[in-house]
Amino acid sequence: FNNFEVDNLVKKKQQYLEDLNPRVQSLIWTSRNQLMIFRIQKAIQENPGKKILCTVGMEHNYMLYDFFKDSDDIEFIYPIK
């Protein structure tokens, strides 16, 4: 489940759910992902120069990758081999 093929399937599923009910999807999915990003950023700020391993459910992988992949402040390794 740690790969881009699964991530693309999950993105399609989440887009389908958004099309069905954008308000519910925003409240449940988007807000949850934003909270996860906030907590990860806080952990990074509180632990400068340290390695941080984030384990999340497989349906969150794509979102974290999309958010952190171009960050200049951290080395984001995904997928993990």
Protein backbone atom coordinates (compact mmCIF):
# COMPACT_ATOMS: atom_id res chain seq x y z
CA PHE A 1 0.00 0.00 0.00
CA ASN A 2 3.09 2.18 0.13
CA ASN A 3 3.14 3.25 -3.53
CA PHE A 4 1.88 5.80 -6.02
CA GLU A 5 -0.50 3.36 -7.76
CA VAL A 6 -2.55 2.91 -4.58
CA ASP A 7 -2.33 6.64 -3.92
CA ASN A 8 -3.91 7.39 -7.30
CA LEU A 9 -6.80 5.02 -6.55
CA VAL A 10 -7.35 6.68 -3.19
CA LYS A 11 -7.34 10.14 -4.80
CA LYS A 12 -10.06 8.99 -7.21
CA LYS A 13 -12.11 7.59 -4.32
CA GLN A 14 -11.80 10.82 -2.34
CA GLN A 15 -12.74 12.88 -5.42
CA TYR A 16 -15.80 10.67 -5.93
CA LEU A 17 -16.86 11.26 -2.30
CA GLU A 18 -16.30 14.99 -2.72
CA ASP A 19 -18.50 14.99 -5.81
CA LEU A 20 -21.25 13.21 -3.84
CA ASN A 21 -21.22 15.58 -0.89
CA PRO A 22 -18.61 18.34 -0.80
CA ARG A 23 -19.67 19.67 2.59
CA VAL A 24 -19.36 16.35 4.39
CA GLN A 25 -16.08 15.59 2.62
CA SER A 26 -14.68 18.94 3.68
CA LEU A 27 -15.74 18.49 7.28
CA ILE A 28 -14.50 14.93 7.59
CA TRP A 29 -11.64 14.43 5.15
CA THR A 30 -10.11 17.82 4.39
CA SER A 31 -10.22 18.99 8.00
CA ARG A 32 -8.64 15.74 9.21
CA ASN A 33 -5.81 16.04 6.70
CA GLN A 34 -5.18 19.67 7.62
CA LEU A 35 -4.97 18.72 11.29
CA MET A 36 -2.49 15.95 10.48
CA ILE A 37 -0.31 18.38 8.50
CA PHE A 38 -0.42 20.89 11.36
CA ARG A 39 0.68 18.25 13.88
CA ILE A 40 3.50 17.02 11.65
CA GLN A 41 4.73 20.58 11.08
CA LYS A 42 4.66 21.16 14.84
CA ALA A 43 6.69 17.98 15.45
CA ILE A 44 9.23 19.15 12.84
CA GLN A 45 9.52 22.58 14.47
CA GLU A 46 9.90 21.10 17.96
CA ASN A 47 12.58 18.63 16.82
CA PRO A 48 14.93 20.53 14.49
CA GLY A 49 17.54 18.37 12.82
CA LYS A 50 16.01 15.13 14.07
CA LYS A 51 14.51 12.30 12.09
CA ILE A 52 10.75 11.94 12.41
CA LEU A 53 8.82 8.89 11.28
CA CYS A 54 5.15 9.53 10.58
CA THR A 55 2.89 6.54 10.30
CA VAL A 56 -0.55 7.17 8.91
CA GLY A 57 -3.37 5.22 7.35
CA MET A 58 -2.76 4.42 3.70
CA GLU A 59 -5.45 6.81 2.50
CA HIS A 60 -3.49 9.77 3.87
CA ASN A 61 -0.21 8.97 2.08
CA TYR A 62 -0.99 10.89 -1.09
CA MET A 63 -2.03 14.00 0.79
CA LEU A 64 1.11 14.09 2.89
CA TYR A 65 3.28 13.44 -0.14
CA ASP A 66 1.58 16.22 -2.13
CA PHE A 67 2.02 18.67 0.74
CA PHE A 68 5.62 17.91 1.75
CA LYS A 69 7.27 16.72 -1.49
CA ASP A 70 8.60 20.14 -2.51
CA SER A 71 9.58 21.30 0.97
CA ASP A 72 13.00 22.89 1.24
CA ASP A 73 13.03 22.49 5.02
CA ILE A 74 12.82 18.70 5.25
CA GLU A 75 13.81 15.54 3.46
CA PHE A 76 10.55 13.72 2.78
CA ILE A 77 11.09 10.07 1.88
CA TYR A 78 8.19 8.34 0.19
CA PRO A 79 7.57 5.63 -0.70
CA ILE A 80 9.57 3.87 1.98
CA LYS A 81 11.36 0.84 0.63
